[in-house]
Amino acid sequence: MPDPRASGPAKTKLCAGWITPKVVKDLDIDLAAYPHGVLTLDKIRVYFGRSRFSLAFKTLQYSIRRVEFDNWLLKRCGAPVVRHAVREIERDGDSYVIDGEYRCRYLVGAGGTRCPVKRSLFPPEQGRLIVTLEVEYEARPKAPTCTLFYPYGGLAGYGWYVPKAGAVNIGYGGVASQYDGNFRWLWGAFMQTLRDRGLVSGYIPPPTGHPYFVGDRRKDVRRDNAFIVGDAAGLATVDMGEGIGPAVESGLAAAREIAGEGRYELAGVPENTLSGLPARLMSRFITSA
């Protein structure tokens, strides 16, 4: 009899949801055959603060909806999925035992900031805490260009408008210590900024918050046969606070070690989403605080 907790869609992931060409290559994705919507972002426009002054940078990124993208990846890999809220992880010889129900030889923690593997087996994160306030809603995008506002709401943060196929993601975020308790109060002003530039109109659903870390890469991400990857290891990029690329890179590296094809190290995990001047410009707003 199948486990009643098995299968089902992936949880909704609060995320601006753009992916790099490297993610597409690493995951061997044929974008022409991808069954859900994907937009090519060939330009990023950056407004400086709330002013009207802006610069546009050429780029090549893709926007996806995580609720579609994650579910598709799960189905494509063919692995059985069991939903279980982990309470306790214990070491038993060469194995790990989860809540007395599951036993495994290898354990990969990919549960984000509050990952139980990280909490149980690794030291607390020492990186910078990033907080975001954002919403994704179904709508026809008002503009095709990914638009950023640097800085926004603090010296180490930015706001964004990311168009998608049939949806829009908007929000802002940055180093938590820079907001001085005004984090949620900025939402009204941010919405007005977007409306003034013709990026949104009409009713916009209320936003939701999400915390994660941009951590120090000189850390222990492997202990015996336990690994932590992605946001569980605080691997978001320093220029954009973007986590999909580092999650994919670190996950593949951990998988290669488990398969006996290499060693899991962070040297190959990208620290920046962009390159050149845009990366240098953006990274100072994440790392300067």
Protein backbone atom coordinates (compact mmCIF):
# COMPACT_ATOMS: atom_id res chain seq x y z
CA MET A 1 0.00 0.00 0.00
CA PRO A 2 1.54 3.38 -0.94
CA ASP A 3 2.55 5.79 1.79
CA PRO A 4 -0.32 8.32 2.13
CA ARG A 5 2.25 11.08 2.56
CA ALA A 6 3.95 10.30 -0.73
CA SER A 7 3.70 12.22 -4.00
CA GLY A 8 1.90 15.56 -4.27
CA PRO A 9 3.25 18.85 -5.57
CA ALA A 10 6.25 20.71 -4.22
CA LYS A 11 5.50 23.49 -1.77
CA THR A 12 5.19 27.03 -3.06
CA LYS A 13 8.59 28.70 -2.84
CA LEU A 14 8.64 32.44 -2.27
CA CYS A 15 11.21 33.52 -4.85
CA ALA A 16 11.68 36.18 -7.52
CA GLY A 17 12.25 33.18 -9.76
CA TRP A 18 14.83 33.90 -12.36
CA ILE A 19 17.36 31.32 -13.49
CA THR A 20 20.70 31.74 -15.24
CA PRO A 21 21.87 30.04 -18.44
CA LYS A 22 24.21 27.99 -16.25
CA VAL A 23 21.25 26.58 -14.31
CA VAL A 24 19.63 25.63 -17.62
CA LYS A 25 22.85 23.91 -18.72
CA ASP A 26 23.55 22.21 -15.39
CA LEU A 27 20.05 20.74 -15.23
CA ASP A 28 20.08 19.82 -18.93
CA ILE A 29 16.87 21.73 -19.61
CA ASP A 30 15.53 22.09 -23.13
CA LEU A 31 13.69 25.39 -22.79
CA ALA A 32 11.79 24.77 -26.03
CA ALA A 33 10.37 21.58 -24.50
CA TYR A 34 9.73 23.02 -21.03
CA PRO A 35 5.96 22.53 -20.53
CA HIS A 36 5.37 25.73 -18.54
CA GLY A 37 5.89 29.41 -19.21
CA VAL A 38 9.40 30.86 -19.35
CA LEU A 39 10.46 34.39 -20.36
CA THR A 40 13.87 35.41 -21.65
CA LEU A 41 15.16 38.48 -19.81
CA ASP A 42 17.69 40.17 -22.10
CA LYS A 43 17.93 43.44 -20.19
CA ILE A 44 17.94 44.61 -16.59
CA ARG A 45 17.00 48.23 -15.87
CA VAL A 46 18.30 49.63 -12.59
CA TYR A 47 16.77 52.69 -10.93
CA PHE A 48 18.92 54.29 -8.27
CA GLY A 49 16.81 54.46 -5.14
CA ARG A 50 13.45 56.08 -5.80
CA SER A 51 14.82 58.55 -8.34
CA ARG A 52 13.97 58.64 -12.03
CA PHE A 53 17.61 58.08 -13.01
CA SER A 54 18.27 54.60 -14.38
CA LEU A 55 20.73 52.50 -16.36
CA ALA A 56 20.04 49.43 -18.48
CA PHE A 57 22.38 46.43 -18.66
CA LYS A 58 22.30 43.68 -21.24
CA THR A 59 21.96 40.24 -19.71
CA LEU A 60 20.66 36.76 -20.40
CA GLN A 61 18.43 35.35 -17.69
CA TYR A 62 15.15 33.45 -17.67
CA SER A 63 12.13 33.91 -15.43
CA ILE A 64 10.08 30.94 -14.26
CA ARG A 65 7.42 30.26 -11.63
CA ARG A 66 8.89 28.16 -8.84
CA VAL A 67 5.63 26.35 -8.14
CA GLU A 68 5.75 25.05 -11.73
CA PHE A 69 9.51 24.68 -12.07
CA ASP A 70 10.06 22.74 -8.84
CA ASN A 71 7.15 20.36 -9.50
CA TRP A 72 8.41 19.70 -13.01
CA LEU A 73 11.92 18.89 -11.75
CA LEU A 74 10.52 16.52 -9.13
CA LYS A 75 8.46 14.65 -11.71
CA ARG A 76 11.32 14.57 -14.19
CA CYS A 77 13.74 12.94 -11.75
CA GLY A 78 11.28 10.15 -10.97
CA ALA A 79 12.25 9.89 -7.30
CA PRO A 80 9.53 8.99 -4.77
CA VAL A 81 8.55 11.96 -2.62
CA VAL A 82 7.37 11.66 0.98
CA ARG A 83 6.15 14.65 2.98
CA HIS A 84 7.33 14.52 6.59
CA ALA A 85 7.96 17.29 9.14
CA VAL A 86 11.31 16.32 10.67
CA ARG A 87 11.55 16.65 14.44
CA GLU A 88 14.71 14.75 15.38
CA ILE A 89 17.77 13.39 13.56
CA GLU A 90 20.06 10.89 15.30
CA ARG A 91 23.31 9.26 14.26
CA ASP A 92 23.31 5.46 14.53
CA GLY A 93 26.64 3.99 13.44
CA ASP A 94 27.04 4.70 9.74
CA SER A 95 23.39 5.69 9.36
CA TYR A 96 21.04 8.54 10.21
CA VAL A 97 17.64 7.92 11.75
CA ILE A 98 14.85 10.47 11.29
CA ASP A 99 12.13 10.42 13.94
CA GLY A 100 12.55 6.67 14.35
CA GLU A 101 10.81 6.15 10.99
CA TYR A 102 13.44 6.59 8.29
CA ARG A 103 17.02 5.39 8.04
CA CYS A 104 19.63 6.38 5.47
CA ARG A 105 23.36 6.21 4.89
CA TYR A 106 23.58 9.67 3.30
CA LEU A 107 21.68 12.75 4.34
CA VAL A 108 21.37 15.96 2.29
CA GLY A 109 19.90 19.01 3.98
CA ALA A 110 18.16 21.21 1.42
CA GLY A 111 15.45 22.65 3.65
CA GLY A 112 16.41 26.31 3.46
CA THR A 113 17.09 28.61 6.39
CA ARG A 114 15.30 26.38 8.91
CA CYS A 115 16.65 23.11 7.53
CA PRO A 116 16.48 20.37 10.21
CA VAL A 117 19.72 18.78 8.97
CA LYS A 118 21.52 22.10 9.40
CA ARG A 119 19.92 22.64 12.80
CA SER A 120 20.74 19.16 14.09
CA LEU A 121 24.20 18.46 12.71
CA PHE A 122 25.91 21.75 11.80
CA PRO A 123 26.87 24.97 13.61
CA PRO A 124 24.45 27.94 13.48
CA GLU A 125 24.76 30.18 10.42
CA GLN A 126 27.13 33.12 10.87
CA GLY A 127 26.34 34.96 7.64
CA ARG A 128 24.26 38.06 7.05
CA LEU A 129 20.53 37.61 7.55
CA ILE A 130 18.60 38.70 4.47
CA VAL A 131 14.89 39.48 4.71
CA THR A 132 12.47 39.94 1.83
CA LEU A 133 8.89 41.07 1.41
CA GLU A 134 7.36 39.97 -1.88
CA VAL A 135 4.37 38.64 -3.75
CA GLU A 136 3.82 36.74 -6.97
CA TYR A 137 0.47 37.00 -8.68
CA GLU A 138 -1.06 36.01 -11.99
CA ALA A 139 -1.28 38.90 -14.42
CA ARG A 140 -0.07 40.01 -17.81
CA PRO A 141 3.20 41.90 -17.16
CA LYS A 142 3.03 45.63 -17.82
CA ALA A 143 6.65 45.67 -19.02
CA PRO A 144 8.95 42.92 -20.37
CA THR A 145 12.11 44.18 -18.67
CA CYS A 146 13.37 43.01 -15.28
CA THR A 147 13.55 46.20 -13.21
CA LEU A 148 15.56 46.76 -10.04
CA PHE A 149 15.74 49.60 -7.52
CA TYR A 150 19.15 50.06 -5.82
CA PRO A 151 19.31 50.67 -2.94
CA TYR A 152 15.81 50.31 -1.58
CA GLY A 153 14.80 50.53 2.07
CA GLY A 154 18.34 50.27 3.37
CA LEU A 155 21.95 50.67 2.38
CA ALA A 156 22.16 46.92 1.73
CA GLY A 157 19.08 45.95 -0.23
CA TYR A 158 17.08 46.41 -3.41
CA GLY A 159 13.59 46.20 -4.85
CA TRP A 160 12.54 44.31 -7.97
CA TYR A 161 9.93 43.78 -10.63
CA VAL A 162 10.30 40.45 -12.46
CA PRO A 163 7.92 39.74 -15.36
CA LYS A 164 6.99 36.12 -16.01
CA ALA A 165 4.83 34.19 -18.42
CA GLY A 166 1.39 35.10 -17.16
CA ALA A 167 2.62 36.37 -13.78
CA VAL A 168 4.60 39.08 -12.00
CA ASN A 169 6.85 38.92 -8.95
CA ILE A 170 7.53 42.14 -7.03
CA GLY A 171 9.25 42.80 -3.74
CA TYR A 172 12.26 44.16 -1.90
CA GLY A 173 14.83 42.78 0.48
CA GLY A 174 18.27 43.18 1.95
CA VAL A 175 20.36 42.87 5.08
CA ALA A 176 17.97 42.73 8.04
CA SER A 177 19.99 45.07 10.25
CA GLN A 178 19.55 47.92 7.76
CA TYR A 179 15.78 48.21 8.06
CA ASP A 180 15.47 49.49 11.65
CA GLY A 181 11.95 48.16 12.14
CA ASN A 182 10.58 49.85 9.00
CA PHE A 183 10.66 46.75 6.84
CA ARG A 184 6.91 46.24 6.32
CA TRP A 185 6.08 49.94 6.41
CA LEU A 186 8.02 50.43 3.17
CA TRP A 187 5.57 48.33 1.15
CA GLY A 188 3.14 51.17 0.43
CA ALA A 189 5.91 53.44 -0.82
CA PHE A 190 7.32 50.62 -2.94
CA MET A 191 3.95 49.98 -4.53
CA GLN A 192 3.65 53.68 -5.36
CA THR A 193 7.12 53.62 -6.93
CA LEU A 194 6.07 50.73 -9.17
CA ARG A 195 2.78 52.42 -10.10
CA ASP A 196 4.57 55.70 -10.92
CA ARG A 197 6.73 53.85 -13.43
CA GLY A 198 3.79 52.02 -14.97
CA LEU A 199 4.97 48.59 -13.83
CA VAL A 200 1.83 47.59 -11.89
CA SER A 201 -1.80 48.63 -11.71
CA GLY A 202 -5.04 47.59 -10.10
CA TYR A 203 -5.31 45.27 -7.11
CA ILE A 204 -2.08 43.66 -5.87
CA PRO A 205 -2.29 40.81 -3.33
CA PRO A 206 -0.62 41.38 0.06
CA PRO A 207 3.06 40.38 0.37
CA THR A 208 4.71 37.66 2.43
CA GLY A 209 8.08 37.76 4.21
CA HIS A 210 10.97 35.34 3.84
CA PRO A 211 14.35 35.25 5.70
CA TYR A 212 17.56 33.55 4.56
CA PHE A 213 21.33 33.96 4.84
CA VAL A 214 24.13 35.13 2.60
CA GLY A 215 26.86 33.25 4.39
CA ASP A 216 30.59 32.93 4.63
CA ARG A 217 31.77 30.36 2.07
CA ARG A 218 34.56 29.24 4.42
CA LYS A 219 32.38 26.85 6.35
CA ASP A 220 31.78 23.19 6.98
CA VAL A 221 29.10 21.96 4.57
CA ARG A 222 29.87 18.26 4.97
CA ARG A 223 30.11 16.22 8.15
CA ASP A 224 30.68 12.51 7.67
CA ASN A 225 27.85 11.48 5.32
CA ALA A 226 25.68 14.54 5.95
CA PHE A 227 25.65 17.51 3.56
CA ILE A 228 23.95 20.91 3.48
CA VAL A 229 23.25 22.70 0.20
CA GLY A 230 21.62 25.87 -1.10
CA ASP A 231 19.99 28.19 1.43
CA ALA A 232 20.58 25.63 4.19
CA ALA A 233 24.28 26.42 3.73
CA GLY A 234 23.77 30.18 3.24
CA LEU A 235 24.96 30.09 -0.37
CA ALA A 236 22.88 32.87 -1.95
CA THR A 237 24.90 35.12 -4.28
CA VAL A 238 26.49 38.27 -2.88
CA ASP A 239 25.36 40.56 -5.71
CA MET A 240 21.68 39.59 -5.97
CA GLY A 241 20.96 37.41 -2.95
CA GLU A 242 19.83 34.82 -5.54
CA GLY A 243 19.68 31.22 -4.41
CA ILE A 244 18.59 29.00 -7.31
CA GLY A 245 21.99 28.81 -9.04
CA PRO A 246 23.97 28.09 -5.86
CA ALA A 247 21.35 25.52 -4.77
CA VAL A 248 21.69 23.67 -8.08
CA GLU A 249 25.50 23.83 -8.06
CA SER A 250 25.86 22.69 -4.47
CA GLY A 251 23.22 19.98 -4.84
CA LEU A 252 24.95 18.53 -7.88
CA ALA A 253 28.33 18.67 -6.11
CA ALA A 254 26.93 16.79 -3.11
CA ALA A 255 25.34 14.22 -5.44
CA ARG A 256 28.64 13.68 -7.24
CA GLU A 257 30.41 12.92 -3.96
CA ILE A 258 27.69 10.48 -2.90
CA ALA A 259 28.05 8.78 -6.29
CA GLY A 260 31.83 8.58 -5.82
CA GLU A 261 32.55 11.00 -8.66
CA GLY A 262 34.14 13.90 -6.81
CA ARG A 263 34.34 15.84 -3.59
CA TYR A 264 31.76 18.33 -2.35
CA GLU A 265 33.46 21.72 -2.16
CA LEU A 266 32.16 25.27 -2.48
CA ALA A 267 34.88 26.42 -4.88
CA GLY A 268 32.66 25.73 -7.88
CA VAL A 269 29.54 27.38 -6.47
CA PRO A 270 29.08 30.87 -8.00
CA GLU A 271 29.25 33.88 -5.68
CA ASN A 272 27.62 36.25 -8.20
CA THR A 273 24.55 36.01 -10.41
CA LEU A 274 25.66 38.73 -12.82
CA SER A 275 29.11 39.53 -14.19
CA GLY A 276 31.34 42.53 -14.77
CA LEU A 277 30.17 46.00 -13.71
CA PRO A 278 26.61 44.95 -12.76
CA ALA A 279 27.97 42.34 -10.33
CA ARG A 280 30.40 44.82 -8.76
CA LEU A 281 27.69 47.45 -8.45
CA MET A 282 25.06 45.15 -6.95
CA SER A 283 27.35 43.23 -4.60
CA ARG A 284 28.21 46.30 -2.58
CA PHE A 285 24.58 46.62 -1.50
CA ILE A 286 24.61 43.10 -0.06
CA THR A 287 28.10 43.12 1.44
CA SER A 288 28.59 46.75 2.52
CA ALA A 289 26.41 46.61 5.65
